[in-house]
Amino acid sequence: MRVLSIVSLLFLTHLLQIGLFAGGFWIAETVFGIGGFEGAAMAHPLDYLYFSAVTYTSLGIGDIVPTGHLRFLTGVEALNGLLLIAWSASFLFATMNRLWDWRPCVAPED
């Protein structure tokens, strides 16, 4: 149950991070005007969330392409997502090693 709670918390944390970057992209484009997006239209807030999720996970589909200085923010998000997903996986692995009692599959030979 603890591992499931940790996985859920990590997932929600990643979603929060994606949401923060999506808000940052919206603010950077509409308020500060430091760049824009080409390709598919960014007409709905979920479009920013979609682009942020694709960038955060380093999937990089390419149907939406940032222009201007938003390219730098996109690179920062991709690097941040890569590091945080890798950290989450290693944290979860360490936690599972600590919480679960692992039995060897093969008996050691004398």
PDB file of N, CA and C in Angstrom:
ATOM      1  N   MET A   1       0.826  -1.203   0.000  1.00  0.00           N
ATOM      2  CA  MET A   1       0.000   0.000   0.000  1.00  0.00           C
ATOM      3  C   MET A   1       0.871   1.268   0.000  1.00  0.00           C
ATOM      4  N   ARG A   2       2.012   1.181   0.702  1.00  0.00           N
ATOM      5  CA  ARG A   2       2.888   2.357   0.746  1.00  0.00           C
ATOM      6  C   ARG A   2       3.499   2.645  -0.621  1.00  0.00           C
ATOM      7  N   VAL A   3       3.862   1.588  -1.328  1.00  0.00           N
ATOM      8  CA  VAL A   3       4.461   1.784  -2.650  1.00  0.00           C
ATOM      9  C   VAL A   3       3.442   2.397  -3.598  1.00  0.00           C
ATOM     10  N   LEU A   4       2.198   1.939  -3.535  1.00  0.00           N
ATOM     11  CA  LEU A   4       1.144   2.517  -4.373  1.00  0.00           C
ATOM     12  C   LEU A   4       0.937   3.989  -4.038  1.00  0.00           C
ATOM     13  N   SER A   5       0.993   4.329  -2.763  1.00  0.00           N
ATOM     14  CA  SER A   5       0.853   5.730  -2.357  1.00  0.00           C
ATOM     15  C   SER A   5       1.999   6.569  -2.899  1.00  0.00           C
ATOM     16  N   ILE A   6       3.212   6.023  -2.849  1.00  0.00           N
ATOM     17  CA  ILE A   6       4.370   6.755  -3.346  1.00  0.00           C
ATOM     18  C   ILE A   6       4.282   6.940  -4.859  1.00  0.00           C
ATOM     19  N   VAL A   7       3.881   5.894  -5.577  1.00  0.00           N
ATOM     20  CA  VAL A   7       3.732   6.002  -7.034  1.00  0.00           C
ATOM     21  C   VAL A   7       2.680   7.057  -7.379  1.00  0.00           C
ATOM     22  N   SER A   8       1.566   7.052  -6.666  1.00  0.00           N
ATOM     23  CA  SER A   8       0.511   8.042  -6.917  1.00  0.00           C
ATOM     24  C   SER A   8       0.999   9.454  -6.634  1.00  0.00           C
ATOM     25  N   LEU A   9       1.735   9.631  -5.541  1.00  0.00           N
ATOM     26  CA  LEU A   9       2.262  10.947  -5.201  1.00  0.00           C
ATOM     27  C   LEU A   9       3.275  11.421  -6.246  1.00  0.00           C
ATOM     28  N   LEU A  10       4.146  10.521  -6.700  1.00  0.00           N
ATOM     29  CA  LEU A  10       5.100  10.884  -7.742  1.00  0.00           C
ATOM     30  C   LEU A  10       4.388  11.274  -9.035  1.00  0.00           C
ATOM     31  N   PHE A  11       3.355  10.513  -9.395  1.00  0.00           N
ATOM     32  CA  PHE A  11       2.595  10.821 -10.608  1.00  0.00           C
ATOM     33  C   PHE A  11       1.935  12.196 -10.509  1.00  0.00           C
ATOM     34  N   LEU A  12       1.317  12.483  -9.374  1.00  0.00           N
ATOM     35  CA  LEU A  12       0.682  13.784  -9.190  1.00  0.00           C
ATOM     36  C   LEU A  12       1.715  14.911  -9.192  1.00  0.00           C
ATOM     37  N   THR A  13       2.884  14.652  -8.645  1.00  0.00           N
ATOM     38  CA  THR A  13       3.943  15.655  -8.648  1.00  0.00           C
ATOM     39  C   THR A  13       4.398  15.959 -10.072  1.00  0.00           C
ATOM     40  N   HIS A  14       4.533  14.921 -10.885  1.00  0.00           N
ATOM     41  CA  HIS A  14       4.914  15.139 -12.287  1.00  0.00           C
ATOM     42  C   HIS A  14       3.815  15.903 -13.031  1.00  0.00           C
ATOM     43  N   LEU A  15       2.560  15.577 -12.768  1.00  0.00           N
ATOM     44  CA  LEU A  15       1.463  16.317 -13.405  1.00  0.00           C
ATOM     45  C   LEU A  15       1.465  17.784 -12.987  1.00  0.00           C
ATOM     46  N   LEU A  16       1.763  18.047 -11.727  1.00  0.00           N
ATOM     47  CA  LEU A  16       1.850  19.427 -11.246  1.00  0.00           C
ATOM     48  C   LEU A  16       2.978  20.167 -11.956  1.00  0.00           C
ATOM     49  N   GLN A  17       4.119  19.512 -12.097  1.00  0.00           N
ATOM     50  CA  GLN A  17       5.258  20.115 -12.799  1.00  0.00           C
ATOM     51  C   GLN A  17       4.897  20.414 -14.255  1.00  0.00           C
ATOM     52  N   ILE A  18       4.221  19.482 -14.917  1.00  0.00           N
ATOM     53  CA  ILE A  18       3.783  19.701 -16.302  1.00  0.00           C
ATOM     54  C   ILE A  18       2.822  20.876 -16.374  1.00  0.00           C
ATOM     55  N   GLY A  19       1.919  20.963 -15.419  1.00  0.00           N
ATOM     56  CA  GLY A  19       0.977  22.078 -15.368  1.00  0.00           C
ATOM     57  C   GLY A  19       1.658  23.418 -15.145  1.00  0.00           C
ATOM     58  N   LEU A  20       2.685  23.437 -14.298  1.00  0.00           N
ATOM     59  CA  LEU A  20       3.420  24.684 -14.072  1.00  0.00           C
ATOM     60  C   LEU A  20       4.127  25.152 -15.342  1.00  0.00           C
ATOM     61  N   PHE A  21       4.742  24.210 -16.061  1.00  0.00           N
ATOM     62  CA  PHE A  21       5.387  24.583 -17.314  1.00  0.00           C
ATOM     63  C   PHE A  21       4.359  25.022 -18.355  1.00  0.00           C
ATOM     64  N   ALA A  22       3.200  24.374 -18.392  1.00  0.00           N
ATOM     65  CA  ALA A  22       2.149  24.780 -19.337  1.00  0.00           C
ATOM     66  C   ALA A  22       1.709  26.213 -19.050  1.00  0.00           C
ATOM     67  N   GLY A  23       1.527  26.534 -17.774  1.00  0.00           N
ATOM     68  CA  GLY A  23       1.194  27.910 -17.397  1.00  0.00           C
ATOM     69  C   GLY A  23       2.302  28.875 -17.765  1.00  0.00           C
ATOM     70  N   GLY A  24       3.541  28.439 -17.593  1.00  0.00           N
ATOM     71  CA  GLY A  24       4.677  29.273 -17.975  1.00  0.00           C
ATOM     72  C   GLY A  24       4.723  29.536 -19.466  1.00  0.00           C
ATOM     73  N   PHE A  25       4.410  28.500 -20.265  1.00  0.00           N
ATOM     74  CA  PHE A  25       4.364  28.695 -21.721  1.00  0.00           C
ATOM     75  C   PHE A  25       3.270  29.689 -22.101  1.00  0.00           C
ATOM     76  N   TRP A  26       2.117  29.565 -21.479  1.00  0.00           N
ATOM     77  CA  TRP A  26       1.007  30.478 -21.787  1.00  0.00           C
ATOM     78  C   TRP A  26       1.382  31.913 -21.424  1.00  0.00           C
ATOM     79  N   ILE A  27       1.949  32.088 -20.232  1.00  0.00           N
ATOM     80  CA  ILE A  27       2.342  33.431 -19.790  1.00  0.00           C
ATOM     81  C   ILE A  27       3.441  33.992 -20.694  1.00  0.00           C
ATOM     82  N   ALA A  28       4.418  33.161 -21.029  1.00  0.00           N
ATOM     83  CA  ALA A  28       5.520  33.627 -21.867  1.00  0.00           C
ATOM     84  C   ALA A  28       5.037  34.043 -23.254  1.00  0.00           C
ATOM     85  N   GLU A  29       4.035  33.326 -23.769  1.00  0.00           N
ATOM     86  CA  GLU A  29       3.541  33.664 -25.112  1.00  0.00           C
ATOM     87  C   GLU A  29       2.585  34.845 -25.089  1.00  0.00           C
ATOM     88  N   THR A  30       1.611  34.818 -24.195  1.00  0.00           N
ATOM     89  CA  THR A  30       0.562  35.842 -24.246  1.00  0.00           C
ATOM     90  C   THR A  30       0.904  37.119 -23.492  1.00  0.00           C
ATOM     91  N   VAL A  31       1.566  37.011 -22.349  1.00  0.00           N
ATOM     92  CA  VAL A  31       1.853  38.196 -21.543  1.00  0.00           C
ATOM     93  C   VAL A  31       3.172  38.836 -21.956  1.00  0.00           C
ATOM     94  N   PHE A  32       4.231  38.041 -21.996  1.00  0.00           N
ATOM     95  CA  PHE A  32       5.557  38.594 -22.296  1.00  0.00           C
ATOM     96  C   PHE A  32       5.870  38.637 -23.784  1.00  0.00           C
ATOM     97  N   GLY A  33       5.209  37.810 -24.575  1.00  0.00           N
ATOM     98  CA  GLY A  33       5.410  37.811 -26.018  1.00  0.00           C
ATOM     99  C   GLY A  33       6.827  37.466 -26.439  1.00  0.00           C
ATOM    100  N   ILE A  34       7.454  36.518 -25.758  1.00  0.00           N
ATOM    101  CA  ILE A  34       8.847  36.181 -26.080  1.00  0.00           C
ATOM    102  C   ILE A  34       8.970  35.049 -27.095  1.00  0.00           C
ATOM    103  N   GLY A  35       7.863  34.640 -27.658  1.00  0.00           N
ATOM    104  CA  GLY A  35       7.891  33.581 -28.653  1.00  0.00           C
ATOM    105  C   GLY A  35       6.475  33.135 -28.960  1.00  0.00           C
ATOM    106  N   GLY A  36       6.371  32.089 -29.733  1.00  0.00           N
ATOM    107  CA  GLY A  36       5.060  31.570 -30.101  1.00  0.00           C
ATOM    108  C   GLY A  36       5.164  30.106 -30.466  1.00  0.00           C
ATOM    109  N   PHE A  37       4.122  29.625 -31.099  1.00  0.00           N
ATOM    110  CA  PHE A  37       4.063  28.226 -31.503  1.00  0.00           C
ATOM    111  C   PHE A  37       3.611  28.136 -32.949  1.00  0.00           C
ATOM    112  N   GLU A  38       4.221  27.225 -33.687  1.00  0.00           N
ATOM    113  CA  GLU A  38       3.818  26.964 -35.061  1.00  0.00           C
ATOM    114  C   GLU A  38       3.289  25.545 -35.147  1.00  0.00           C
ATOM    115  N   GLY A  39       2.562  25.277 -36.192  1.00  0.00           N
ATOM    116  CA  GLY A  39       1.982  23.947 -36.368  1.00  0.00           C
ATOM    117  C   GLY A  39       0.534  23.965 -35.926  1.00  0.00           C
ATOM    118  N   ALA A  40       0.163  23.013 -35.111  1.00  0.00           N
ATOM    119  CA  ALA A  40      -1.217  22.943 -34.607  1.00  0.00           C
ATOM    120  C   ALA A  40      -1.524  24.188 -33.776  1.00  0.00           C
ATOM    121  N   ALA A  41      -2.751  24.666 -33.880  1.00  0.00           N
ATOM    122  CA  ALA A  41      -3.154  25.890 -33.184  1.00  0.00           C
ATOM    123  C   ALA A  41      -3.201  25.666 -31.674  1.00  0.00           C
ATOM    124  N   MET A  42      -2.765  26.678 -30.929  1.00  0.00           N
ATOM    125  CA  MET A  42      -2.812  26.640 -29.461  1.00  0.00           C
ATOM    126  C   MET A  42      -4.019  27.465 -29.022  1.00  0.00           C
ATOM    127  N   ALA A  43      -5.214  26.921 -29.219  1.00  0.00           N
ATOM    128  CA  ALA A  43      -6.434  27.674 -28.967  1.00  0.00           C
ATOM    129  C   ALA A  43      -7.046  27.393 -27.611  1.00  0.00           C
ATOM    130  N   HIS A  44      -6.640  26.336 -26.960  1.00  0.00           N
ATOM    131  CA  HIS A  44      -7.266  25.898 -25.721  1.00  0.00           C
ATOM    132  C   HIS A  44      -6.186  25.672 -24.669  1.00  0.00           C
ATOM    133  N   PRO A  45      -6.490  25.896 -23.384  1.00  0.00           N
ATOM    134  CA  PRO A  45      -5.473  25.639 -22.348  1.00  0.00           C
ATOM    135  C   PRO A  45      -4.938  24.204 -22.357  1.00  0.00           C
ATOM    136  N   LEU A  46      -5.751  23.253 -22.777  1.00  0.00           N
ATOM    137  CA  LEU A  46      -5.268  21.876 -22.841  1.00  0.00           C
ATOM    138  C   LEU A  46      -4.203  21.680 -23.910  1.00  0.00           C
ATOM    139  N   ASP A  47      -4.162  22.569 -24.906  1.00  0.00           N
ATOM    140  CA  ASP A  47      -3.104  22.504 -25.910  1.00  0.00           C
ATOM    141  C   ASP A  47      -1.746  22.797 -25.277  1.00  0.00           C
ATOM    142  N   TYR A  48      -1.706  23.758 -24.357  1.00  0.00           N
ATOM    143  CA  TYR A  48      -0.469  24.058 -23.644  1.00  0.00           C
ATOM    144  C   TYR A  48      -0.082  22.885 -22.733  1.00  0.00           C
ATOM    145  N   LEU A  49      -1.065  22.276 -22.098  1.00  0.00           N
ATOM    146  CA  LEU A  49      -0.803  21.119 -21.244  1.00  0.00           C
ATOM    147  C   LEU A  49      -0.296  19.941 -22.072  1.00  0.00           C
ATOM    148  N   TYR A  50      -0.875  19.742 -23.241  1.00  0.00           N
ATOM    149  CA  TYR A  50      -0.425  18.678 -24.138  1.00  0.00           C
ATOM    150  C   TYR A  50       1.018  18.909 -24.562  1.00  0.00           C
ATOM    151  N   PHE A  51       1.329  20.128 -25.007  1.00  0.00           N
ATOM    152  CA  PHE A  51       2.692  20.430 -25.442  1.00  0.00           C
ATOM    153  C   PHE A  51       3.676  20.253 -24.298  1.00  0.00           C
ATOM    154  N   SER A  52       3.280  20.690 -23.106  1.00  0.00           N
ATOM    155  CA  SER A  52       4.144  20.564 -21.949  1.00  0.00           C
ATOM    156  C   SER A  52       4.388  19.099 -21.591  1.00  0.00           C
ATOM    157  N   ALA A  53       3.353  18.269 -21.661  1.00  0.00           N
ATOM    158  CA  ALA A  53       3.515  16.843 -21.354  1.00  0.00           C
ATOM    159  C   ALA A  53       4.414  16.152 -22.371  1.00  0.00           C
ATOM    160  N   VAL A  54       4.260  16.504 -23.640  1.00  0.00           N
ATOM    161  CA  VAL A  54       5.091  15.915 -24.690  1.00  0.00           C
ATOM    162  C   VAL A  54       6.552  16.335 -24.494  1.00  0.00           C
ATOM    163  N   THR A  55       6.769  17.566 -24.090  1.00  0.00           N
ATOM    164  CA  THR A  55       8.125  18.054 -23.875  1.00  0.00           C
ATOM    165  C   THR A  55       8.724  17.462 -22.602  1.00  0.00           C
ATOM    166  N   TYR A  56       7.969  17.439 -21.526  1.00  0.00           N
ATOM    167  CA  TYR A  56       8.439  16.944 -20.220  1.00  0.00           C
ATOM    168  C   TYR A  56       8.877  15.491 -20.302  1.00  0.00           C
ATOM    169  N   THR A  57       8.151  14.695 -21.045  1.00  0.00           N
ATOM    170  CA  THR A  57       8.486  13.278 -21.164  1.00  0.00           C
ATOM    171  C   THR A  57       9.504  13.024 -22.262  1.00  0.00           C
ATOM    172  N   SER A  58       9.975  14.063 -22.925  1.00  0.00           N
ATOM    173  CA  SER A  58      10.933  13.979 -24.035  1.00  0.00           C
ATOM    174  C   SER A  58      10.403  13.149 -25.190  1.00  0.00           C
ATOM    175  N   LEU A  59       9.083  13.099 -25.336  1.00  0.00           N
ATOM    176  CA  LEU A  59       8.463  12.383 -26.444  1.00  0.00           C
ATOM    177  C   LEU A  59       8.705  13.127 -27.753  1.00  0.00           C
ATOM    178  N   GLY A  60       8.456  14.433 -27.744  1.00  0.00           N
ATOM    179  CA  GLY A  60       8.774  15.277 -28.885  1.00  0.00           C
ATOM    180  C   GLY A  60       8.085  14.902 -30.182  1.00  0.00           C
ATOM    181  N   ILE A  61       6.768  14.884 -30.204  1.00  0.00           N
ATOM    182  CA  ILE A  61       6.028  14.490 -31.405  1.00  0.00           C
ATOM    183  C   ILE A  61       6.290  15.448 -32.558  1.00  0.00           C
ATOM    184  N   GLY A  62       6.300  16.745 -32.316  1.00  0.00           N
ATOM    185  CA  GLY A  62       6.645  17.707 -33.350  1.00  0.00           C
ATOM    186  C   GLY A  62       5.472  18.333 -34.061  1.00  0.00           C
ATOM    187  N   ASP A  63       4.237  18.070 -33.615  1.00  0.00           N
ATOM    188  CA  ASP A  63       3.096  18.715 -34.251  1.00  0.00           C
ATOM    189  C   ASP A  63       2.952  20.169 -33.814  1.00  0.00           C
ATOM    190  N   ILE A  64       3.546  20.517 -32.681  1.00  0.00           N
ATOM    191  CA  ILE A  64       3.593  21.896 -32.209  1.00  0.00           C
ATOM    192  C   ILE A  64       5.067  22.230 -31.998  1.00  0.00           C
ATOM    193  N   VAL A  65       5.506  23.342 -32.600  1.00  0.00           N
ATOM    194  CA  VAL A  65       6.924  23.709 -32.545  1.00  0.00           C
ATOM    195  C   VAL A  65       7.039  25.110 -31.942  1.00  0.00           C
ATOM    196  N   PRO A  66       7.841  25.271 -30.888  1.00  0.00           N
ATOM    197  CA  PRO A  66       8.015  26.608 -30.306  1.00  0.00           C
ATOM    198  C   PRO A  66       8.919  27.473 -31.174  1.00  0.00           C
ATOM    199  N   THR A  67       8.681  28.770 -31.106  1.00  0.00           N
ATOM    200  CA  THR A  67       9.517  29.734 -31.834  1.00  0.00           C
ATOM    201  C   THR A  67      10.026  30.764 -30.844  1.00  0.00           C
ATOM    202  N   GLY A  68      11.022  31.485 -31.263  1.00  0.00           N
ATOM    203  CA  GLY A  68      11.567  32.545 -30.419  1.00  0.00           C
ATOM    204  C   GLY A  68      12.250  31.975 -29.181  1.00  0.00           C
ATOM    205  N   HIS A  69      12.168  32.733 -28.113  1.00  0.00           N
ATOM    206  CA  HIS A  69      12.828  32.325 -26.875  1.00  0.00           C
ATOM    207  C   HIS A  69      12.092  31.202 -26.148  1.00  0.00           C
ATOM    208  N   LEU A  70      10.911  30.833 -26.603  1.00  0.00           N
ATOM    209  CA  LEU A  70      10.220  29.683 -26.010  1.00  0.00           C
ATOM    210  C   LEU A  70      10.969  28.383 -26.289  1.00  0.00           C
ATOM    211  N   ARG A  71      11.827  28.403 -27.291  1.00  0.00           N
ATOM    212  CA  ARG A  71      12.641  27.215 -27.573  1.00  0.00           C
ATOM    213  C   ARG A  71      13.554  26.885 -26.402  1.00  0.00           C
ATOM    214  N   PHE A  72      14.102  27.909 -25.760  1.00  0.00           N
ATOM    215  CA  PHE A  72      14.967  27.683 -24.605  1.00  0.00           C
ATOM    216  C   PHE A  72      14.171  27.108 -23.434  1.00  0.00           C
ATOM    217  N   LEU A  73      12.992  27.667 -23.184  1.00  0.00           N
ATOM    218  CA  LEU A  73      12.139  27.155 -22.107  1.00  0.00           C
ATOM    219  C   LEU A  73      11.738  25.710 -22.380  1.00  0.00           C
ATOM    220  N   THR A  74      11.529  25.368 -23.632  1.00  0.00           N
ATOM    221  CA  THR A  74      11.197  23.991 -24.008  1.00  0.00           C
ATOM    222  C   THR A  74      12.365  23.056 -23.691  1.00  0.00           C
ATOM    223  N   GLY A  75      13.564  23.478 -23.995  1.00  0.00           N
ATOM    224  CA  GLY A  75      14.736  22.668 -23.681  1.00  0.00           C
ATOM    225  C   GLY A  75      14.932  22.488 -22.190  1.00  0.00           C
ATOM    226  N   VAL A  76      14.692  23.537 -21.432  1.00  0.00           N
ATOM    227  CA  VAL A  76      14.804  23.453 -19.976  1.00  0.00           C
ATOM    228  C   VAL A  76      13.773  22.466 -19.428  1.00  0.00           C
ATOM    229  N   GLU A  77      12.561  22.503 -19.955  1.00  0.00           N
ATOM    230  CA  GLU A  77      11.534  21.569 -19.486  1.00  0.00           C
ATOM    231  C   GLU A  77      11.899  20.130 -19.829  1.00  0.00           C
ATOM    232  N   ALA A  78      12.418  19.890 -21.012  1.00  0.00           N
ATOM    233  CA  ALA A  78      12.809  18.535 -21.399  1.00  0.00           C
ATOM    234  C   ALA A  78      13.912  18.003 -20.486  1.00  0.00           C
ATOM    235  N   LEU A  79      14.907  18.825 -20.197  1.00  0.00           N
ATOM    236  CA  LEU A  79      15.980  18.406 -19.297  1.00  0.00           C
ATOM    237  C   LEU A  79      15.453  18.183 -17.886  1.00  0.00           C
ATOM    238  N   ASN A  80      14.606  19.064 -17.422  1.00  0.00           N
ATOM    239  CA  ASN A  80      14.006  18.935 -16.096  1.00  0.00           C
ATOM    240  C   ASN A  80      13.168  17.660 -16.000  1.00  0.00           C
ATOM    241  N   GLY A  81      12.360  17.399 -17.017  1.00  0.00           N
ATOM    242  CA  GLY A  81      11.545  16.193 -17.011  1.00  0.00           C
ATOM    243  C   GLY A  81      12.378  14.930 -17.020  1.00  0.00           C
ATOM    244  N   LEU A  82      13.443  14.921 -17.822  1.00  0.00           N
ATOM    245  CA  LEU A  82      14.331  13.759 -17.873  1.00  0.00           C
ATOM    246  C   LEU A  82      14.952  13.482 -16.511  1.00  0.00           C
ATOM    247  N   LEU A  83      15.450  14.530 -15.869  1.00  0.00           N
ATOM    248  CA  LEU A  83      16.072  14.363 -14.560  1.00  0.00           C
ATOM    249  C   LEU A  83      15.070  13.932 -13.498  1.00  0.00           C
ATOM    250  N   LEU A  84      13.890  14.538 -13.480  1.00  0.00           N
ATOM    251  CA  LEU A  84      12.915  14.206 -12.443  1.00  0.00           C
ATOM    252  C   LEU A  84      12.298  12.833 -12.642  1.00  0.00           C
ATOM    253  N   ILE A  85      12.086  12.413 -13.866  1.00  0.00           N
ATOM    254  CA  ILE A  85      11.559  11.063 -14.100  1.00  0.00           C
ATOM    255  C   ILE A  85      12.599  10.024 -13.704  1.00  0.00           C
ATOM    256  N   ALA A  86      13.875  10.264 -14.043  1.00  0.00           N
ATOM    257  CA  ALA A  86      14.936   9.332 -13.646  1.00  0.00           C
ATOM    258  C   ALA A  86      15.085   9.302 -12.127  1.00  0.00           C
ATOM    259  N   TRP A  87      15.018  10.463 -11.485  1.00  0.00           N
ATOM    260  CA  TRP A  87      15.108  10.504 -10.033  1.00  0.00           C
ATOM    261  C   TRP A  87      13.935   9.763  -9.399  1.00  0.00           C
ATOM    262  N   SER A  88      12.740   9.939  -9.938  1.00  0.00           N
ATOM    263  CA  SER A  88      11.559   9.254  -9.401  1.00  0.00           C
ATOM    264  C   SER A  88      11.705   7.736  -9.507  1.00  0.00           C
ATOM    265  N   ALA A  89      12.226   7.275 -10.626  1.00  0.00           N
ATOM    266  CA  ALA A  89      12.412   5.835 -10.799  1.00  0.00           C
ATOM    267  C   ALA A  89      13.430   5.288  -9.807  1.00  0.00           C
ATOM    268  N   SER A  90      14.534   5.987  -9.622  1.00  0.00           N
ATOM    269  CA  SER A  90      15.540   5.502  -8.678  1.00  0.00           C
ATOM    270  C   SER A  90      15.040   5.601  -7.238  1.00  0.00           C
ATOM    271  N   PHE A  91      14.289   6.644  -6.917  1.00  0.00           N
ATOM    272  CA  PHE A  91      13.704   6.772  -5.576  1.00  0.00           C
ATOM    273  C   PHE A  91      12.723   5.642  -5.316  1.00  0.00           C
ATOM    274  N   LEU A  92      11.898   5.336  -6.296  1.00  0.00           N
ATOM    275  CA  LEU A  92      10.930   4.251  -6.143  1.00  0.00           C
ATOM    276  C   LEU A  92      11.637   2.905  -5.995  1.00  0.00           C
ATOM    277  N   PHE A  93      12.692   2.687  -6.761  1.00  0.00           N
ATOM    278  CA  PHE A  93      13.455   1.446  -6.650  1.00  0.00           C
ATOM    279  C   PHE A  93      14.087   1.322  -5.268  1.00  0.00           C
ATOM    280  N   ALA A  94      14.686   2.399  -4.761  1.00  0.00           N
ATOM    281  CA  ALA A  94      15.292   2.372  -3.425  1.00  0.00           C
ATOM    282  C   ALA A  94      14.239   2.133  -2.348  1.00  0.00           C
ATOM    283  N   THR A  95      13.094   2.737  -2.498  1.00  0.00           N
ATOM    284  CA  THR A  95      12.010   2.549  -1.535  1.00  0.00           C
ATOM    285  C   THR A  95      11.506   1.112  -1.554  1.00  0.00           C
ATOM    286  N   MET A  96      11.350   0.544  -2.741  1.00  0.00           N
ATOM    287  CA  MET A  96      10.894  -0.843  -2.835  1.00  0.00           C
ATOM    288  C   MET A  96      11.925  -1.790  -2.228  1.00  0.00           C
ATOM    289  N   ASN A  97      13.204  -1.532  -2.409  1.00  0.00           N
ATOM    290  CA  ASN A  97      14.235  -2.363  -1.801  1.00  0.00           C
ATOM    291  C   ASN A  97      14.196  -2.287  -0.280  1.00  0.00           C
ATOM    292  N   ARG A  98      13.842  -1.122   0.237  1.00  0.00           N
ATOM    293  CA  ARG A  98      13.786  -0.944   1.688  1.00  0.00           C
ATOM    294  C   ARG A  98      12.521  -1.545   2.286  1.00  0.00           C
ATOM    295  N   LEU A  99      11.390  -1.430   1.579  1.00  0.00           N
ATOM    296  CA  LEU A  99      10.110  -1.864   2.139  1.00  0.00           C
ATOM    297  C   LEU A  99       9.805  -3.338   1.919  1.00  0.00           C
ATOM    298  N   TRP A 100      10.259  -3.905   0.827  1.00  0.00           N
ATOM    299  CA  TRP A 100       9.909  -5.283   0.501  1.00  0.00           C
ATOM    300  C   TRP A 100      11.047  -6.217   0.870  1.00  0.00           C
ATOM    301  N   ASP A 101      10.677  -7.396   1.336  1.00  0.00           N
ATOM    302  CA  ASP A 101      11.658  -8.416   1.663  1.00  0.00           C
ATOM    303  C   ASP A 101      11.870  -9.283   0.424  1.00  0.00           C
ATOM    304  N   TRP A 102      13.040  -9.157  -0.193  1.00  0.00           N
ATOM    305  CA  TRP A 102      13.339  -9.889  -1.417  1.00  0.00           C
ATOM    306  C   TRP A 102      13.957 -11.237  -1.067  1.00  0.00           C
ATOM    307  N   ARG A 103      13.423 -12.285  -1.659  1.00  0.00           N
ATOM    308  CA  ARG A 103      13.990 -13.618  -1.484  1.00  0.00           C
ATOM    309  C   ARG A 103      14.778 -13.977  -2.736  1.00  0.00           C
ATOM    310  N   PRO A 104      15.944 -14.590  -2.556  1.00  0.00           N
ATOM    311  CA  PRO A 104      16.712 -14.970  -3.745  1.00  0.00           C
ATOM    312  C   PRO A 104      16.007 -16.053  -4.543  1.00  0.00           C
ATOM    313  N   CYS A 105      16.162 -15.988  -5.850  1.00  0.00           N
ATOM    314  CA  CYS A 105      15.513 -16.972  -6.733  1.00  0.00           C
ATOM    315  C   CYS A 105      16.278 -18.294  -6.738  1.00  0.00           C
ATOM    316  N   VAL A 106      17.554 -18.239  -6.464  1.00  0.00           N
ATOM    317  CA  VAL A 106      18.396 -19.437  -6.507  1.00  0.00           C
ATOM    318  C   VAL A 106      19.099 -19.567  -5.168  1.00  0.00           C
ATOM    319  N   ALA A 107      19.140 -20.762  -4.620  1.00  0.00           N
ATOM    320  CA  ALA A 107      19.841 -20.985  -3.377  1.00  0.00           C
ATOM    321  C   ALA A 107      21.346 -20.904  -3.610  1.00  0.00           C
ATOM    322  N   PRO A 108      22.062 -20.219  -2.719  1.00  0.00           N
ATOM    323  CA  PRO A 108      23.506 -20.115  -2.900  1.00  0.00           C
ATOM    324  C   PRO A 108      24.183 -21.465  -2.709  1.00  0.00           C
ATOM    325  N   GLU A 109      25.231 -21.709  -3.488  1.00  0.00           N
ATOM    326  CA  GLU A 109      25.968 -22.961  -3.363  1.00  0.00           C
ATOM    327  C   GLU A 109      27.049 -22.818  -2.288  1.00  0.00           C
ATOM    328  N   ASP A 110      27.307 -23.908  -1.579  1.00  0.00           N
ATOM    329  CA  ASP A 110      28.329 -23.882  -0.530  1.00  0.00           C
ATOM    330  C   ASP A 110      29.703 -24.061  -1.079  1.00  0.00           C
TER     331      ASP A 110
END
